[in-house]
Amino acid sequence: MQELSPVDHSFVIAMAKAPTPVVTTAYLQQELGKPKNYLSMYRKRLLDAQLIKSPARGMLEFTLPYFKEYILENLKFYA
């Protein structure tokens, strides 16, 4: 995750901390305290990097199995 920007890191960490595997963009807006248009740029970057995918409109999930668990276990390195 070193090639990710600090905002990308925040986005991924917020997704990992979500109580469900599929996260809504509304949840991320609330957790990060940023407007939808601000988050859309970082959402696109992570989609393009194939780190996340969008199974439905307004929904996001990690593409790699167990990536959420990896992030949570190694949070001290990324926070």
PDB file of N, CA and C in Angstrom:
ATOM      1  N   MET A   1       0.815  -1.200   0.000  1.00  0.00           N
ATOM      2  CA  MET A   1       0.000   0.000   0.000  1.00  0.00           C
ATOM      3  C   MET A   1       0.856   1.261   0.000  1.00  0.00           C
ATOM      4  N   GLN A   2       2.153   1.161  -0.138  1.00  0.00           N
ATOM      5  CA  GLN A   2       2.997   2.341  -0.097  1.00  0.00           C
ATOM      6  C   GLN A   2       2.713   3.302  -1.240  1.00  0.00           C
ATOM      7  N   GLU A   3       2.291   2.822  -2.407  1.00  0.00           N
ATOM      8  CA  GLU A   3       2.056   3.705  -3.538  1.00  0.00           C
ATOM      9  C   GLU A   3       0.724   4.453  -3.455  1.00  0.00           C
ATOM     10  N   LEU A   4      -0.023   4.219  -2.421  1.00  0.00           N
ATOM     11  CA  LEU A   4      -1.285   4.920  -2.229  1.00  0.00           C
ATOM     12  C   LEU A   4      -1.040   6.258  -1.532  1.00  0.00           C
ATOM     13  N   SER A   5      -1.861   7.241  -1.898  1.00  0.00           N
ATOM     14  CA  SER A   5      -1.771   8.551  -1.257  1.00  0.00           C
ATOM     15  C   SER A   5      -2.340   8.456   0.167  1.00  0.00           C
ATOM     16  N   PRO A   6      -2.084   9.464   0.990  1.00  0.00           N
ATOM     17  CA  PRO A   6      -2.651   9.461   2.342  1.00  0.00           C
ATOM     18  C   PRO A   6      -4.184   9.381   2.342  1.00  0.00           C
ATOM     19  N   VAL A   7      -4.827  10.026   1.379  1.00  0.00           N
ATOM     20  CA  VAL A   7      -6.292   9.958   1.316  1.00  0.00           C
ATOM     21  C   VAL A   7      -6.731   8.559   0.880  1.00  0.00           C
ATOM     22  N   ASP A   8      -5.990   7.954  -0.050  1.00  0.00           N
ATOM     23  CA  ASP A   8      -6.282   6.567  -0.431  1.00  0.00           C
ATOM     24  C   ASP A   8      -6.202   5.661   0.800  1.00  0.00           C
ATOM     25  N   HIS A   9      -5.175   5.856   1.606  1.00  0.00           N
ATOM     26  CA  HIS A   9      -5.022   5.075   2.839  1.00  0.00           C
ATOM     27  C   HIS A   9      -6.236   5.260   3.743  1.00  0.00           C
ATOM     28  N   SER A  10      -6.656   6.496   3.928  1.00  0.00           N
ATOM     29  CA  SER A  10      -7.824   6.778   4.785  1.00  0.00           C
ATOM     30  C   SER A  10      -9.068   6.092   4.250  1.00  0.00           C
ATOM     31  N   PHE A  11      -9.242   6.123   2.937  1.00  0.00           N
ATOM     32  CA  PHE A  11     -10.385   5.509   2.275  1.00  0.00           C
ATOM     33  C   PHE A  11     -10.389   4.004   2.536  1.00  0.00           C
ATOM     34  N   VAL A  12      -9.235   3.358   2.321  1.00  0.00           N
ATOM     35  CA  VAL A  12      -9.108   1.909   2.502  1.00  0.00           C
ATOM     36  C   VAL A  12      -9.308   1.536   3.969  1.00  0.00           C
ATOM     37  N   ILE A  13      -8.748   2.317   4.871  1.00  0.00           N
ATOM     38  CA  ILE A  13      -8.899   2.034   6.300  1.00  0.00           C
ATOM     39  C   ILE A  13     -10.354   2.177   6.726  1.00  0.00           C
ATOM     40  N   ALA A  14     -11.038   3.201   6.243  1.00  0.00           N
ATOM     41  CA  ALA A  14     -12.466   3.377   6.563  1.00  0.00           C
ATOM     42  C   ALA A  14     -13.274   2.193   6.045  1.00  0.00           C
ATOM     43  N   MET A  15     -12.942   1.716   4.848  1.00  0.00           N
ATOM     44  CA  MET A  15     -13.632   0.531   4.318  1.00  0.00           C
ATOM     45  C   MET A  15     -13.373  -0.685   5.197  1.00  0.00           C
ATOM     46  N   ALA A  16     -12.130  -0.869   5.612  1.00  0.00           N
ATOM     47  CA  ALA A  16     -11.774  -2.026   6.430  1.00  0.00           C
ATOM     48  C   ALA A  16     -12.471  -1.994   7.789  1.00  0.00           C
ATOM     49  N   LYS A  17     -12.669  -0.817   8.343  1.00  0.00           N
ATOM     50  CA  LYS A  17     -13.304  -0.684   9.653  1.00  0.00           C
ATOM     51  C   LYS A  17     -14.826  -0.805   9.604  1.00  0.00           C
ATOM     52  N   ALA A  18     -15.382  -0.810   8.409  1.00  0.00           N
ATOM     53  CA  ALA A  18     -16.844  -0.917   8.270  1.00  0.00           C
ATOM     54  C   ALA A  18     -17.326  -2.253   8.833  1.00  0.00           C
ATOM     55  N   PRO A  19     -18.525  -2.272   9.394  1.00  0.00           N
ATOM     56  CA  PRO A  19     -19.027  -3.511  10.007  1.00  0.00           C
ATOM     57  C   PRO A  19     -19.446  -4.589   8.999  1.00  0.00           C
ATOM     58  N   THR A  20     -19.533  -4.230   7.735  1.00  0.00           N
ATOM     59  CA  THR A  20     -19.949  -5.188   6.711  1.00  0.00           C
ATOM     60  C   THR A  20     -18.895  -5.266   5.605  1.00  0.00           C
ATOM     61  N   PRO A  21     -18.836  -6.388   4.881  1.00  0.00           N
ATOM     62  CA  PRO A  21     -17.850  -6.508   3.798  1.00  0.00           C
ATOM     63  C   PRO A  21     -18.137  -5.580   2.614  1.00  0.00           C
ATOM     64  N   VAL A  22     -19.398  -5.310   2.362  1.00  0.00           N
ATOM     65  CA  VAL A  22     -19.788  -4.379   1.304  1.00  0.00           C
ATOM     66  C   VAL A  22     -20.127  -3.054   1.977  1.00  0.00           C
ATOM     67  N   VAL A  23     -19.474  -1.984   1.520  1.00  0.00           N
ATOM     68  CA  VAL A  23     -19.576  -0.674   2.167  1.00  0.00           C
ATOM     69  C   VAL A  23     -20.285   0.300   1.234  1.00  0.00           C
ATOM     70  N   THR A  24     -21.174   1.093   1.782  1.00  0.00           N
ATOM     71  CA  THR A  24     -21.843   2.103   0.959  1.00  0.00           C
ATOM     72  C   THR A  24     -20.985   3.361   0.889  1.00  0.00           C
ATOM     73  N   THR A  25     -21.134   4.083  -0.195  1.00  0.00           N
ATOM     74  CA  THR A  25     -20.407   5.343  -0.317  1.00  0.00           C
ATOM     75  C   THR A  25     -20.915   6.343   0.727  1.00  0.00           C
ATOM     76  N   ALA A  26     -22.188   6.238   1.097  1.00  0.00           N
ATOM     77  CA  ALA A  26     -22.736   7.108   2.146  1.00  0.00           C
ATOM     78  C   ALA A  26     -22.018   6.862   3.473  1.00  0.00           C
ATOM     79  N   TYR A  27     -21.729   5.610   3.772  1.00  0.00           N
ATOM     80  CA  TYR A  27     -20.985   5.270   4.996  1.00  0.00           C
ATOM     81  C   TYR A  27     -19.598   5.922   4.965  1.00  0.00           C
ATOM     82  N   LEU A  28     -18.923   5.829   3.826  1.00  0.00           N
ATOM     83  CA  LEU A  28     -17.587   6.419   3.700  1.00  0.00           C
ATOM     84  C   LEU A  28     -17.632   7.936   3.826  1.00  0.00           C
ATOM     85  N   GLN A  29     -18.653   8.549   3.258  1.00  0.00           N
ATOM     86  CA  GLN A  29     -18.818  10.002   3.392  1.00  0.00           C
ATOM     87  C   GLN A  29     -18.911  10.382   4.863  1.00  0.00           C
ATOM     88  N   GLN A  30     -19.706   9.638   5.589  1.00  0.00           N
ATOM     89  CA  GLN A  30     -19.910   9.923   7.009  1.00  0.00           C
ATOM     90  C   GLN A  30     -18.629   9.678   7.797  1.00  0.00           C
ATOM     91  N   GLU A  31     -17.972   8.555   7.566  1.00  0.00           N
ATOM     92  CA  GLU A  31     -16.763   8.202   8.311  1.00  0.00           C
ATOM     93  C   GLU A  31     -15.603   9.150   8.035  1.00  0.00           C
ATOM     94  N   LEU A  32     -15.457   9.554   6.782  1.00  0.00           N
ATOM     95  CA  LEU A  32     -14.337  10.411   6.403  1.00  0.00           C
ATOM     96  C   LEU A  32     -14.673  11.897   6.497  1.00  0.00           C
ATOM     97  N   GLY A  33     -15.965  12.205   6.637  1.00  0.00           N
ATOM     98  CA  GLY A  33     -16.381  13.592   6.757  1.00  0.00           C
ATOM     99  C   GLY A  33     -16.123  14.403   5.499  1.00  0.00           C
ATOM    100  N   LYS A  34     -16.254  13.755   4.364  1.00  0.00           N
ATOM    101  CA  LYS A  34     -15.989  14.417   3.080  1.00  0.00           C
ATOM    102  C   LYS A  34     -17.217  14.302   2.182  1.00  0.00           C
ATOM    103  N   PRO A  35     -17.409  15.283   1.276  1.00  0.00           N
ATOM    104  CA  PRO A  35     -18.552  15.214   0.353  1.00  0.00           C
ATOM    105  C   PRO A  35     -18.337  14.149  -0.719  1.00  0.00           C
ATOM    106  N   LYS A  36     -19.440  13.762  -1.322  1.00  0.00           N
ATOM    107  CA  LYS A  36     -19.447  12.695  -2.325  1.00  0.00           C
ATOM    108  C   LYS A  36     -18.492  12.992  -3.489  1.00  0.00           C
ATOM    109  N   ASN A  37     -18.502  14.225  -3.979  1.00  0.00           N
ATOM    110  CA  ASN A  37     -17.652  14.554  -5.128  1.00  0.00           C
ATOM    111  C   ASN A  37     -16.167  14.481  -4.770  1.00  0.00           C
ATOM    112  N   TYR A  38     -15.808  14.745  -3.539  1.00  0.00           N
ATOM    113  CA  TYR A  38     -14.418  14.637  -3.096  1.00  0.00           C
ATOM    114  C   TYR A  38     -13.982  13.168  -3.095  1.00  0.00           C
ATOM    115  N   LEU A  39     -14.836  12.303  -2.561  1.00  0.00           N
ATOM    116  CA  LEU A  39     -14.501  10.883  -2.462  1.00  0.00           C
ATOM    117  C   LEU A  39     -14.496  10.184  -3.812  1.00  0.00           C
ATOM    118  N   SER A  40     -15.232  10.701  -4.775  1.00  0.00           N
ATOM    119  CA  SER A  40     -15.345  10.008  -6.061  1.00  0.00           C
ATOM    120  C   SER A  40     -14.006   9.890  -6.775  1.00  0.00           C
ATOM    121  N   MET A  41     -13.130  10.875  -6.618  1.00  0.00           N
ATOM    122  CA  MET A  41     -11.814  10.809  -7.254  1.00  0.00           C
ATOM    123  C   MET A  41     -10.989   9.655  -6.669  1.00  0.00           C
ATOM    124  N   TYR A  42     -11.014   9.509  -5.369  1.00  0.00           N
ATOM    125  CA  TYR A  42     -10.255   8.453  -4.710  1.00  0.00           C
ATOM    126  C   TYR A  42     -10.897   7.092  -4.953  1.00  0.00           C
ATOM    127  N   ARG A  43     -12.207   7.062  -5.017  1.00  0.00           N
ATOM    128  CA  ARG A  43     -12.927   5.829  -5.360  1.00  0.00           C
ATOM    129  C   ARG A  43     -12.485   5.353  -6.731  1.00  0.00           C
ATOM    130  N   LYS A  44     -12.431   6.274  -7.696  1.00  0.00           N
ATOM    131  CA  LYS A  44     -12.023   5.914  -9.053  1.00  0.00           C
ATOM    132  C   LYS A  44     -10.583   5.417  -9.087  1.00  0.00           C
ATOM    133  N   ARG A  45      -9.704   6.083  -8.351  1.00  0.00           N
ATOM    134  CA  ARG A  45      -8.306   5.657  -8.314  1.00  0.00           C
ATOM    135  C   ARG A  45      -8.178   4.227  -7.787  1.00  0.00           C
ATOM    136  N   LEU A  46      -8.911   3.903  -6.730  1.00  0.00           N
ATOM    137  CA  LEU A  46      -8.848   2.565  -6.150  1.00  0.00           C
ATOM    138  C   LEU A  46      -9.521   1.531  -7.044  1.00  0.00           C
ATOM    139  N   LEU A  47     -10.573   1.937  -7.749  1.00  0.00           N
ATOM    140  CA  LEU A  47     -11.197   1.048  -8.730  1.00  0.00           C
ATOM    141  C   LEU A  47     -10.232   0.765  -9.882  1.00  0.00           C
ATOM    142  N   ASP A  48      -9.573   1.801 -10.390  1.00  0.00           N
ATOM    143  CA  ASP A  48      -8.611   1.649 -11.479  1.00  0.00           C
ATOM    144  C   ASP A  48      -7.426   0.773 -11.068  1.00  0.00           C
ATOM    145  N   ALA A  49      -7.028   0.872  -9.809  1.00  0.00           N
ATOM    146  CA  ALA A  49      -5.931   0.055  -9.297  1.00  0.00           C
ATOM    147  C   ALA A  49      -6.384  -1.373  -8.976  1.00  0.00           C
ATOM    148  N   GLN A  50      -7.671  -1.631  -9.145  1.00  0.00           N
ATOM    149  CA  GLN A  50      -8.298  -2.929  -8.893  1.00  0.00           C
ATOM    150  C   GLN A  50      -8.145  -3.384  -7.441  1.00  0.00           C
ATOM    151  N   LEU A  51      -8.087  -2.418  -6.541  1.00  0.00           N
ATOM    152  CA  LEU A  51      -8.025  -2.708  -5.124  1.00  0.00           C
ATOM    153  C   LEU A  51      -9.434  -2.905  -4.555  1.00  0.00           C
ATOM    154  N   ILE A  52     -10.389  -2.183  -5.157  1.00  0.00           N
ATOM    155  CA  ILE A  52     -11.796  -2.306  -4.770  1.00  0.00           C
ATOM    156  C   ILE A  52     -12.623  -2.535  -6.021  1.00  0.00           C
ATOM    157  N   LYS A  53     -13.866  -2.975  -5.794  1.00  0.00           N
ATOM    158  CA  LYS A  53     -14.817  -3.119  -6.898  1.00  0.00           C
ATOM    159  C   LYS A  53     -16.171  -2.632  -6.419  1.00  0.00           C
ATOM    160  N   SER A  54     -17.039  -2.388  -7.378  1.00  0.00           N
ATOM    161  CA  SER A  54     -18.370  -1.893  -7.065  1.00  0.00           C
ATOM    162  C   SER A  54     -19.403  -2.917  -7.533  1.00  0.00           C
ATOM    163  N   PRO A  55     -19.885  -3.760  -6.615  1.00  0.00           N
ATOM    164  CA  PRO A  55     -20.851  -4.783  -7.001  1.00  0.00           C
ATOM    165  C   PRO A  55     -22.229  -4.224  -7.367  1.00  0.00           C
ATOM    166  N   ALA A  56     -22.509  -3.010  -6.920  1.00  0.00           N
ATOM    167  CA  ALA A  56     -23.776  -2.336  -7.225  1.00  0.00           C
ATOM    168  C   ALA A  56     -23.560  -0.841  -7.042  1.00  0.00           C
ATOM    169  N   ARG A  57     -24.457  -0.056  -7.589  1.00  0.00           N
ATOM    170  CA  ARG A  57     -24.338   1.398  -7.481  1.00  0.00           C
ATOM    171  C   ARG A  57     -24.295   1.826  -6.015  1.00  0.00           C
ATOM    172  N   GLY A  58     -23.285   2.621  -5.676  1.00  0.00           N
ATOM    173  CA  GLY A  58     -23.154   3.125  -4.317  1.00  0.00           C
ATOM    174  C   GLY A  58     -22.579   2.132  -3.328  1.00  0.00           C
ATOM    175  N   MET A  59     -22.101   0.987  -3.821  1.00  0.00           N
ATOM    176  CA  MET A  59     -21.561  -0.057  -2.955  1.00  0.00           C
ATOM    177  C   MET A  59     -20.128  -0.374  -3.368  1.00  0.00           C
ATOM    178  N   LEU A  60     -19.279  -0.624  -2.389  1.00  0.00           N
ATOM    179  CA  LEU A  60     -17.877  -0.946  -2.653  1.00  0.00           C
ATOM    180  C   LEU A  60     -17.441  -2.115  -1.788  1.00  0.00           C
ATOM    181  N   GLU A  61     -16.501  -2.896  -2.328  1.00  0.00           N
ATOM    182  CA  GLU A  61     -15.890  -3.973  -1.554  1.00  0.00           C
ATOM    183  C   GLU A  61     -14.478  -4.205  -2.060  1.00  0.00           C
ATOM    184  N   PHE A  62     -13.656  -4.827  -1.241  1.00  0.00           N
ATOM    185  CA  PHE A  62     -12.294  -5.132  -1.641  1.00  0.00           C
ATOM    186  C   PHE A  62     -12.292  -6.262  -2.661  1.00  0.00           C
ATOM    187  N   THR A  63     -11.368  -6.211  -3.596  1.00  0.00           N
ATOM    188  CA  THR A  63     -11.276  -7.267  -4.608  1.00  0.00           C
ATOM    189  C   THR A  63     -10.489  -8.465  -4.082  1.00  0.00           C
ATOM    190  N   LEU A  64      -9.503  -8.221  -3.246  1.00  0.00           N
ATOM    191  CA  LEU A  64      -8.656  -9.307  -2.747  1.00  0.00           C
ATOM    192  C   LEU A  64      -9.286  -9.980  -1.532  1.00  0.00           C
ATOM    193  N   PRO A  65      -9.308 -11.307  -1.534  1.00  0.00           N
ATOM    194  CA  PRO A  65      -9.828 -12.002  -0.355  1.00  0.00           C
ATOM    195  C   PRO A  65      -8.954 -11.703   0.867  1.00  0.00           C
ATOM    196  N   TYR A  66      -9.586 -11.507   1.990  1.00  0.00           N
ATOM    197  CA  TYR A  66      -8.925 -11.270   3.274  1.00  0.00           C
ATOM    198  C   TYR A  66      -8.132  -9.957   3.337  1.00  0.00           C
ATOM    199  N   PHE A  67      -8.324  -9.068   2.377  1.00  0.00           N
ATOM    200  CA  PHE A  67      -7.609  -7.791   2.418  1.00  0.00           C
ATOM    201  C   PHE A  67      -8.091  -6.942   3.591  1.00  0.00           C
ATOM    202  N   LYS A  68      -9.387  -6.997   3.863  1.00  0.00           N
ATOM    203  CA  LYS A  68      -9.934  -6.258   5.006  1.00  0.00           C
ATOM    204  C   LYS A  68      -9.240  -6.695   6.298  1.00  0.00           C
ATOM    205  N   GLU A  69      -9.100  -7.987   6.484  1.00  0.00           N
ATOM    206  CA  GLU A  69      -8.459  -8.520   7.678  1.00  0.00           C
ATOM    207  C   GLU A  69      -6.978  -8.113   7.728  1.00  0.00           C
ATOM    208  N   TYR A  70      -6.333  -8.138   6.584  1.00  0.00           N
ATOM    209  CA  TYR A  70      -4.925  -7.727   6.509  1.00  0.00           C
ATOM    210  C   TYR A  70      -4.767  -6.270   6.956  1.00  0.00           C
ATOM    211  N   ILE A  71      -5.625  -5.404   6.448  1.00  0.00           N
ATOM    212  CA  ILE A  71      -5.559  -3.985   6.812  1.00  0.00           C
ATOM    213  C   ILE A  71      -5.776  -3.816   8.311  1.00  0.00           C
ATOM    214  N   LEU A  72      -6.785  -4.477   8.842  1.00  0.00           N
ATOM    215  CA  LEU A  72      -7.078  -4.334  10.268  1.00  0.00           C
ATOM    216  C   LEU A  72      -5.942  -4.872  11.136  1.00  0.00           C
ATOM    217  N   GLU A  73      -5.312  -5.964  10.720  1.00  0.00           N
ATOM    218  CA  GLU A  73      -4.193  -6.531  11.487  1.00  0.00           C
ATOM    219  C   GLU A  73      -2.954  -5.649  11.424  1.00  0.00           C
ATOM    220  N   ASN A  74      -2.789  -4.899  10.349  1.00  0.00           N
ATOM    221  CA  ASN A  74      -1.596  -4.079  10.156  1.00  0.00           C
ATOM    222  C   ASN A  74      -1.897  -2.584  10.231  1.00  0.00           C
ATOM    223  N   LEU A  75      -2.958  -2.241  10.889  1.00  0.00           N
ATOM    224  CA  LEU A  75      -3.413  -0.852  10.968  1.00  0.00           C
ATOM    225  C   LEU A  75      -2.338   0.093  11.505  1.00  0.00           C
ATOM    226  N   LYS A  76      -1.548  -0.370  12.432  1.00  0.00           N
ATOM    227  CA  LYS A  76      -0.520   0.495  13.035  1.00  0.00           C
ATOM    228  C   LYS A  76       0.481   1.001  11.989  1.00  0.00           C
ATOM    229  N   PHE A  77       0.640   0.282  10.884  1.00  0.00           N
ATOM    230  CA  PHE A  77       1.567   0.702   9.837  1.00  0.00           C
ATOM    231  C   PHE A  77       0.956   1.713   8.865  1.00  0.00           C
ATOM    232  N   TYR A  78      -0.372   1.792   8.829  1.00  0.00           N
ATOM    233  CA  TYR A  78      -1.043   2.604   7.837  1.00  0.00           C
ATOM    234  C   TYR A  78      -1.789   3.805   8.401  1.00  0.00           C
ATOM    235  N   ALA A  79      -2.028   3.831   9.674  1.00  0.00           N
ATOM    236  CA  ALA A  79      -2.808   4.917  10.267  1.00  0.00           C
ATOM    237  C   ALA A  79      -1.976   6.155  10.499  1.00  0.00           C
TER     238      ALA A  79
END
